[in-house]
Amino acid sequence: MTWRGDDIGRWLTRQQRDFNRLNPEQQKRLAALGVRQVVPARKAPVSGGTKAGAVRGTGAFTRGLAALAQYVQREQLTVVPRQHTERVTLDGQDHEVRLGVWVSNQKNRRNKLNGEQLARLAELGMDWVSAFT
């Protein structure tokens, strides 16, 4: 909702997040309206048997790899249009993967991928992997 061009929802969220930074009068006025400080939720530890120090983004890599495998099997192609989005189901959950962007990102960041990740991409026909390893 906007009022005079201002996004009221965004403003309210900012007031709740930064409540302690407001002066006492501002806090009092907001409290009279029922606005209270929102304490950010603590991030839950990664579950599912992941070892401490696991590679960041492993879940995203797994989703992307599953989407790529599905795409390659169906289309018999290893070239993915940049705008292509692939729907994949993993562990009973549906995911929408921006596959063209994901493949491009893996290629651009290939020096940050571990050996197993590179090998899995090579298995799916990503020829740029073999030029790197």
N, C-alpha and C. Protein backbone atom coordinates (compact mmCIF):
# COMPACT_ATOMS: atom_id res chain seq x y z
N MET A 1 0.85 -1.17 0.00
CA MET A 1 0.00 0.00 0.00
C MET A 1 0.89 1.24 0.00
N THR A 2 0.48 2.21 -0.77
CA THR A 2 1.25 3.45 -0.80
C THR A 2 0.37 4.61 -0.34
N TRP A 3 1.03 5.62 0.20
CA TRP A 3 0.35 6.86 0.58
C TRP A 3 1.25 7.99 0.15
N ARG A 4 0.72 8.82 -0.74
CA ARG A 4 1.48 9.94 -1.30
C ARG A 4 2.82 9.48 -1.89
N GLY A 5 2.77 8.33 -2.52
CA GLY A 5 3.95 7.80 -3.19
C GLY A 5 4.91 7.02 -2.32
N ASP A 6 4.63 6.93 -1.02
CA ASP A 6 5.51 6.17 -0.12
C ASP A 6 4.94 4.78 0.11
N ASP A 7 5.80 3.79 0.08
CA ASP A 7 5.40 2.41 0.34
C ASP A 7 5.29 2.23 1.85
N ILE A 8 4.07 2.15 2.36
CA ILE A 8 3.82 2.08 3.80
C ILE A 8 4.32 0.77 4.39
N GLY A 9 4.18 -0.32 3.67
CA GLY A 9 4.66 -1.61 4.16
C GLY A 9 6.17 -1.60 4.36
N ARG A 10 6.88 -1.05 3.40
CA ARG A 10 8.34 -0.97 3.51
C ARG A 10 8.73 -0.06 4.68
N TRP A 11 8.02 1.05 4.82
CA TRP A 11 8.31 1.98 5.91
C TRP A 11 8.09 1.29 7.26
N LEU A 12 6.95 0.59 7.40
CA LEU A 12 6.63 -0.08 8.66
C LEU A 12 7.68 -1.14 8.99
N THR A 13 8.09 -1.89 8.00
CA THR A 13 9.12 -2.92 8.22
C THR A 13 10.42 -2.28 8.71
N ARG A 14 10.78 -1.16 8.12
CA ARG A 14 12.00 -0.45 8.52
C ARG A 14 11.88 0.06 9.96
N GLN A 15 10.69 0.57 10.33
CA GLN A 15 10.50 1.06 11.70
C GLN A 15 10.62 -0.08 12.71
N GLN A 16 10.04 -1.22 12.39
CA GLN A 16 10.10 -2.37 13.30
C GLN A 16 11.53 -2.90 13.42
N ARG A 17 12.23 -2.97 12.30
CA ARG A 17 13.60 -3.48 12.29
C ARG A 17 14.55 -2.57 13.06
N ASP A 18 14.37 -1.25 12.88
CA ASP A 18 15.27 -0.27 13.47
C ASP A 18 14.68 0.41 14.71
N PHE A 19 13.76 -0.25 15.38
CA PHE A 19 13.03 0.34 16.49
C PHE A 19 13.96 0.92 17.55
N ASN A 20 15.03 0.21 17.87
CA ASN A 20 15.96 0.68 18.92
C ASN A 20 16.74 1.92 18.51
N ARG A 21 16.80 2.21 17.24
CA ARG A 21 17.52 3.39 16.75
C ARG A 21 16.66 4.65 16.80
N LEU A 22 15.36 4.46 16.97
CA LEU A 22 14.46 5.61 17.02
C LEU A 22 14.57 6.31 18.37
N ASN A 23 14.25 7.60 18.39
CA ASN A 23 14.28 8.30 19.67
C ASN A 23 13.07 7.88 20.51
N PRO A 24 13.11 8.11 21.82
CA PRO A 24 12.03 7.65 22.70
C PRO A 24 10.64 8.14 22.29
N GLU A 25 10.55 9.37 21.80
CA GLU A 25 9.24 9.90 21.38
C GLU A 25 8.70 9.11 20.18
N GLN A 26 9.57 8.81 19.24
CA GLN A 26 9.14 8.03 18.07
C GLN A 26 8.71 6.62 18.50
N GLN A 27 9.47 6.02 19.40
CA GLN A 27 9.11 4.70 19.89
C GLN A 27 7.75 4.73 20.59
N LYS A 28 7.53 5.77 21.37
CA LYS A 28 6.26 5.91 22.11
C LYS A 28 5.09 6.05 21.14
N ARG A 29 5.25 6.86 20.11
CA ARG A 29 4.17 7.05 19.14
C ARG A 29 3.87 5.77 18.37
N LEU A 30 4.92 5.07 17.97
CA LEU A 30 4.71 3.82 17.25
C LEU A 30 4.07 2.77 18.17
N ALA A 31 4.53 2.72 19.43
CA ALA A 31 3.97 1.76 20.38
C ALA A 31 2.48 2.02 20.59
N ALA A 32 2.08 3.30 20.60
CA ALA A 32 0.66 3.64 20.75
C ALA A 32 -0.17 3.11 19.58
N LEU A 33 0.48 2.94 18.43
CA LEU A 33 -0.20 2.39 17.26
C LEU A 33 -0.10 0.86 17.20
N GLY A 34 0.59 0.28 18.19
CA GLY A 34 0.72 -1.17 18.24
C GLY A 34 1.95 -1.69 17.50
N VAL A 35 2.84 -0.80 17.11
CA VAL A 35 4.05 -1.21 16.39
C VAL A 35 5.12 -1.54 17.41
N ARG A 36 5.69 -2.71 17.28
CA ARG A 36 6.75 -3.16 18.19
C ARG A 36 7.97 -3.56 17.38
N GLN A 37 9.08 -3.65 18.06
CA GLN A 37 10.32 -4.08 17.41
C GLN A 37 10.18 -5.53 16.99
N VAL A 38 10.67 -5.82 15.81
CA VAL A 38 10.71 -7.20 15.33
C VAL A 38 12.12 -7.70 15.52
N VAL A 39 12.25 -8.79 16.24
CA VAL A 39 13.56 -9.39 16.46
C VAL A 39 13.79 -10.39 15.34
N PRO A 40 14.87 -10.23 14.58
CA PRO A 40 15.11 -11.15 13.47
C PRO A 40 15.25 -12.59 13.97
N ALA A 41 14.66 -13.50 13.23
CA ALA A 41 14.75 -14.91 13.58
C ALA A 41 16.17 -15.40 13.38
N ARG A 42 16.61 -16.24 14.28
CA ARG A 42 17.94 -16.82 14.13
C ARG A 42 17.87 -17.88 13.05
N LYS A 43 18.91 -17.94 12.25
CA LYS A 43 18.94 -18.94 11.20
C LYS A 43 19.15 -20.31 11.83
N ALA A 44 18.33 -21.25 11.38
CA ALA A 44 18.44 -22.61 11.89
C ALA A 44 19.68 -23.27 11.29
N PRO A 45 20.31 -24.14 12.04
CA PRO A 45 21.47 -24.83 11.48
C PRO A 45 21.02 -25.72 10.33
N VAL A 46 21.93 -25.92 9.39
CA VAL A 46 21.62 -26.75 8.24
C VAL A 46 21.40 -28.17 8.73
N SER A 47 20.31 -28.78 8.28
CA SER A 47 20.00 -30.14 8.70
C SER A 47 20.21 -31.10 7.54
N GLY A 48 19.90 -32.33 7.76
CA GLY A 48 20.01 -33.31 6.71
C GLY A 48 21.37 -33.98 6.64
N GLY A 49 22.07 -33.99 7.76
CA GLY A 49 23.34 -34.70 7.79
C GLY A 49 24.50 -33.95 7.15
N THR A 50 24.36 -32.69 6.94
CA THR A 50 25.43 -31.91 6.35
C THR A 50 26.55 -31.73 7.35
N LYS A 51 27.77 -31.99 6.92
CA LYS A 51 28.93 -31.84 7.80
C LYS A 51 29.19 -30.38 8.06
N ALA A 52 29.81 -30.10 9.19
CA ALA A 52 30.22 -28.73 9.50
C ALA A 52 31.21 -28.29 8.44
N GLY A 53 31.11 -27.05 8.03
CA GLY A 53 32.02 -26.54 7.02
C GLY A 53 31.67 -26.97 5.61
N ALA A 54 30.45 -27.39 5.40
CA ALA A 54 30.04 -27.81 4.06
C ALA A 54 30.13 -26.64 3.10
N VAL A 55 30.24 -26.95 1.83
CA VAL A 55 30.36 -25.93 0.80
C VAL A 55 29.10 -25.10 0.76
N ARG A 56 29.26 -23.80 0.82
CA ARG A 56 28.11 -22.89 0.77
C ARG A 56 27.43 -23.03 -0.58
N GLY A 57 26.09 -23.07 -0.58
CA GLY A 57 25.34 -23.15 -1.83
C GLY A 57 25.20 -24.56 -2.36
N THR A 58 25.53 -25.57 -1.56
CA THR A 58 25.46 -26.95 -2.03
C THR A 58 24.03 -27.30 -2.43
N GLY A 59 23.04 -26.83 -1.67
CA GLY A 59 21.65 -27.11 -2.01
C GLY A 59 21.28 -26.52 -3.35
N ALA A 60 21.72 -25.31 -3.62
CA ALA A 60 21.44 -24.66 -4.90
C ALA A 60 22.14 -25.42 -6.02
N PHE A 61 23.36 -25.89 -5.76
CA PHE A 61 24.08 -26.66 -6.78
C PHE A 61 23.33 -27.95 -7.07
N THR A 62 22.86 -28.62 -6.03
CA THR A 62 22.12 -29.88 -6.21
C THR A 62 20.85 -29.66 -7.01
N ARG A 63 20.12 -28.60 -6.70
CA ARG A 63 18.90 -28.30 -7.47
C ARG A 63 19.22 -28.01 -8.92
N GLY A 64 20.26 -27.20 -9.13
CA GLY A 64 20.65 -26.87 -10.49
C GLY A 64 21.11 -28.08 -11.27
N LEU A 65 21.88 -28.95 -10.63
CA LEU A 65 22.37 -30.15 -11.29
C LEU A 65 21.22 -31.08 -11.65
N ALA A 66 20.25 -31.23 -10.75
CA ALA A 66 19.08 -32.06 -11.04
C ALA A 66 18.28 -31.49 -12.20
N ALA A 67 18.13 -30.17 -12.22
CA ALA A 67 17.40 -29.53 -13.31
C ALA A 67 18.15 -29.71 -14.63
N LEU A 68 19.47 -29.59 -14.59
CA LEU A 68 20.27 -29.76 -15.80
C LEU A 68 20.18 -31.19 -16.31
N ALA A 69 20.26 -32.18 -15.41
CA ALA A 69 20.15 -33.58 -15.81
C ALA A 69 18.79 -33.85 -16.46
N GLN A 70 17.75 -33.31 -15.88
CA GLN A 70 16.41 -33.48 -16.42
C GLN A 70 16.30 -32.85 -17.81
N TYR A 71 16.84 -31.66 -17.96
CA TYR A 71 16.81 -30.95 -19.24
C TYR A 71 17.59 -31.70 -20.31
N VAL A 72 18.81 -32.14 -19.98
CA VAL A 72 19.66 -32.85 -20.94
C VAL A 72 19.00 -34.15 -21.38
N GLN A 73 18.41 -34.87 -20.44
CA GLN A 73 17.73 -36.13 -20.77
C GLN A 73 16.54 -35.89 -21.69
N ARG A 74 15.75 -34.88 -21.40
CA ARG A 74 14.55 -34.61 -22.19
C ARG A 74 14.89 -34.03 -23.56
N GLU A 75 15.76 -33.04 -23.61
CA GLU A 75 16.04 -32.31 -24.84
C GLU A 75 17.18 -32.92 -25.66
N GLN A 76 17.99 -33.78 -25.03
CA GLN A 76 19.18 -34.33 -25.69
C GLN A 76 20.11 -33.22 -26.17
N LEU A 77 20.15 -32.13 -25.41
CA LEU A 77 21.00 -30.97 -25.70
C LEU A 77 21.77 -30.60 -24.45
N THR A 78 22.98 -30.06 -24.65
CA THR A 78 23.74 -29.57 -23.50
C THR A 78 23.84 -28.05 -23.51
N VAL A 79 23.25 -27.42 -24.51
CA VAL A 79 23.23 -25.97 -24.57
C VAL A 79 21.87 -25.52 -24.04
N VAL A 80 21.90 -24.71 -22.99
CA VAL A 80 20.67 -24.25 -22.36
C VAL A 80 20.50 -22.77 -22.65
N PRO A 81 19.36 -22.38 -23.26
CA PRO A 81 19.12 -20.94 -23.49
C PRO A 81 19.15 -20.19 -22.16
N ARG A 82 19.75 -19.03 -22.15
CA ARG A 82 19.93 -18.26 -20.92
C ARG A 82 18.61 -17.99 -20.19
N GLN A 83 17.53 -17.80 -20.90
CA GLN A 83 16.26 -17.46 -20.26
C GLN A 83 15.45 -18.70 -19.83
N HIS A 84 15.98 -19.90 -20.07
CA HIS A 84 15.22 -21.12 -19.77
C HIS A 84 15.08 -21.36 -18.27
N THR A 85 13.87 -21.71 -17.86
CA THR A 85 13.58 -22.09 -16.48
C THR A 85 13.11 -23.53 -16.48
N GLU A 86 13.64 -24.32 -15.57
CA GLU A 86 13.30 -25.74 -15.48
C GLU A 86 12.66 -26.02 -14.14
N ARG A 87 11.57 -26.78 -14.16
CA ARG A 87 10.91 -27.19 -12.92
C ARG A 87 11.39 -28.59 -12.58
N VAL A 88 11.78 -28.78 -11.33
CA VAL A 88 12.31 -30.06 -10.89
C VAL A 88 11.76 -30.36 -9.50
N THR A 89 11.56 -31.66 -9.21
CA THR A 89 11.09 -32.08 -7.89
C THR A 89 12.21 -32.85 -7.20
N LEU A 90 12.57 -32.38 -6.02
CA LEU A 90 13.60 -33.03 -5.20
C LEU A 90 13.06 -33.25 -3.80
N ASP A 91 13.18 -34.44 -3.30
CA ASP A 91 12.71 -34.77 -1.95
C ASP A 91 11.27 -34.34 -1.73
N GLY A 92 10.45 -34.52 -2.75
CA GLY A 92 9.03 -34.19 -2.65
C GLY A 92 8.70 -32.72 -2.74
N GLN A 93 9.71 -31.87 -2.97
CA GLN A 93 9.47 -30.43 -3.08
C GLN A 93 9.72 -29.98 -4.51
N ASP A 94 8.82 -29.14 -5.02
CA ASP A 94 8.98 -28.59 -6.36
C ASP A 94 9.86 -27.36 -6.30
N HIS A 95 10.75 -27.26 -7.28
CA HIS A 95 11.65 -26.12 -7.38
C HIS A 95 11.63 -25.60 -8.80
N GLU A 96 11.74 -24.32 -8.93
CA GLU A 96 11.86 -23.70 -10.23
C GLU A 96 13.28 -23.15 -10.33
N VAL A 97 14.06 -23.67 -11.27
CA VAL A 97 15.46 -23.30 -11.40
C VAL A 97 15.63 -22.50 -12.68
N ARG A 98 16.21 -21.32 -12.55
CA ARG A 98 16.55 -20.52 -13.73
C ARG A 98 17.80 -21.16 -14.32
N LEU A 99 17.57 -22.20 -15.11
CA LEU A 99 18.64 -23.09 -15.52
C LEU A 99 19.67 -22.42 -16.42
N GLY A 100 19.24 -21.62 -17.35
CA GLY A 100 20.20 -20.94 -18.22
C GLY A 100 21.14 -20.05 -17.43
N VAL A 101 20.60 -19.32 -16.47
CA VAL A 101 21.40 -18.45 -15.61
C VAL A 101 22.31 -19.30 -14.73
N TRP A 102 21.77 -20.41 -14.20
CA TRP A 102 22.55 -21.28 -13.33
C TRP A 102 23.76 -21.85 -14.07
N VAL A 103 23.55 -22.34 -15.29
CA VAL A 103 24.67 -22.90 -16.06
C VAL A 103 25.71 -21.82 -16.32
N SER A 104 25.26 -20.64 -16.71
CA SER A 104 26.18 -19.53 -16.96
C SER A 104 26.99 -19.19 -15.70
N ASN A 105 26.33 -19.18 -14.55
CA ASN A 105 27.01 -18.89 -13.29
C ASN A 105 28.05 -19.96 -12.96
N GLN A 106 27.71 -21.23 -13.20
CA GLN A 106 28.67 -22.30 -12.92
C GLN A 106 29.90 -22.15 -13.81
N LYS A 107 29.66 -21.81 -15.06
CA LYS A 107 30.78 -21.64 -15.98
C LYS A 107 31.67 -20.47 -15.54
N ASN A 108 31.04 -19.36 -15.17
CA ASN A 108 31.81 -18.18 -14.76
C ASN A 108 32.55 -18.38 -13.44
N ARG A 109 32.03 -19.24 -12.59
CA ARG A 109 32.62 -19.46 -11.27
C ARG A 109 33.28 -20.83 -11.15
N ARG A 110 33.62 -21.42 -12.26
CA ARG A 110 34.11 -22.80 -12.24
C ARG A 110 35.37 -22.98 -11.41
N ASN A 111 36.16 -21.93 -11.25
CA ASN A 111 37.37 -22.05 -10.43
C ASN A 111 37.04 -22.18 -8.95
N LYS A 112 35.77 -21.96 -8.56
CA LYS A 112 35.36 -22.10 -7.17
C LYS A 112 34.66 -23.44 -6.91
N LEU A 113 34.43 -24.21 -7.98
CA LEU A 113 33.76 -25.50 -7.83
C LEU A 113 34.78 -26.55 -7.40
N ASN A 114 34.33 -27.52 -6.61
CA ASN A 114 35.25 -28.59 -6.21
C ASN A 114 35.29 -29.67 -7.30
N GLY A 115 36.18 -30.62 -7.15
CA GLY A 115 36.38 -31.66 -8.16
C GLY A 115 35.13 -32.48 -8.44
N GLU A 116 34.39 -32.80 -7.38
CA GLU A 116 33.17 -33.59 -7.56
C GLU A 116 32.13 -32.80 -8.37
N GLN A 117 31.98 -31.53 -8.06
CA GLN A 117 31.02 -30.70 -8.79
C GLN A 117 31.42 -30.61 -10.26
N LEU A 118 32.69 -30.40 -10.53
CA LEU A 118 33.15 -30.34 -11.91
C LEU A 118 32.91 -31.66 -12.64
N ALA A 119 33.17 -32.76 -11.96
CA ALA A 119 32.96 -34.08 -12.56
C ALA A 119 31.49 -34.30 -12.89
N ARG A 120 30.60 -33.90 -12.01
CA ARG A 120 29.16 -34.09 -12.25
C ARG A 120 28.69 -33.26 -13.44
N LEU A 121 29.23 -32.06 -13.57
CA LEU A 121 28.89 -31.23 -14.73
C LEU A 121 29.43 -31.84 -16.02
N ALA A 122 30.65 -32.37 -15.96
CA ALA A 122 31.25 -33.00 -17.13
C ALA A 122 30.43 -34.22 -17.57
N GLU A 123 29.90 -34.99 -16.61
CA GLU A 123 29.06 -36.15 -16.93
C GLU A 123 27.82 -35.75 -17.73
N LEU A 124 27.36 -34.54 -17.51
CA LEU A 124 26.16 -34.05 -18.21
C LEU A 124 26.50 -33.35 -19.52
N GLY A 125 27.79 -33.38 -19.90
CA GLY A 125 28.18 -32.86 -21.20
C GLY A 125 28.58 -31.41 -21.24
N MET A 126 28.87 -30.83 -20.11
CA MET A 126 29.31 -29.43 -20.11
C MET A 126 30.77 -29.42 -20.56
N ASP A 127 31.00 -29.18 -21.84
CA ASP A 127 32.33 -29.29 -22.43
C ASP A 127 33.31 -28.26 -21.88
N TRP A 128 32.85 -27.16 -21.36
CA TRP A 128 33.74 -26.15 -20.79
C TRP A 128 34.43 -26.65 -19.53
N VAL A 129 33.88 -27.69 -18.90
CA VAL A 129 34.49 -28.24 -17.70
C VAL A 129 35.82 -28.92 -18.04
N SER A 130 35.84 -29.70 -19.12
CA SER A 130 37.06 -30.45 -19.48
C SER A 130 38.18 -29.50 -19.86
N ALA A 131 37.86 -28.34 -20.38
CA ALA A 131 38.89 -27.36 -20.72
C ALA A 131 39.50 -26.75 -19.46
N PHE A 132 38.78 -26.84 -18.36
CA PHE A 132 39.24 -26.24 -17.10
C PHE A 132 40.05 -27.22 -16.27
N THR A 133 39.66 -28.50 -16.30
CA THR A 133 40.31 -29.49 -15.43
C THR A 133 41.58 -30.03 -16.03
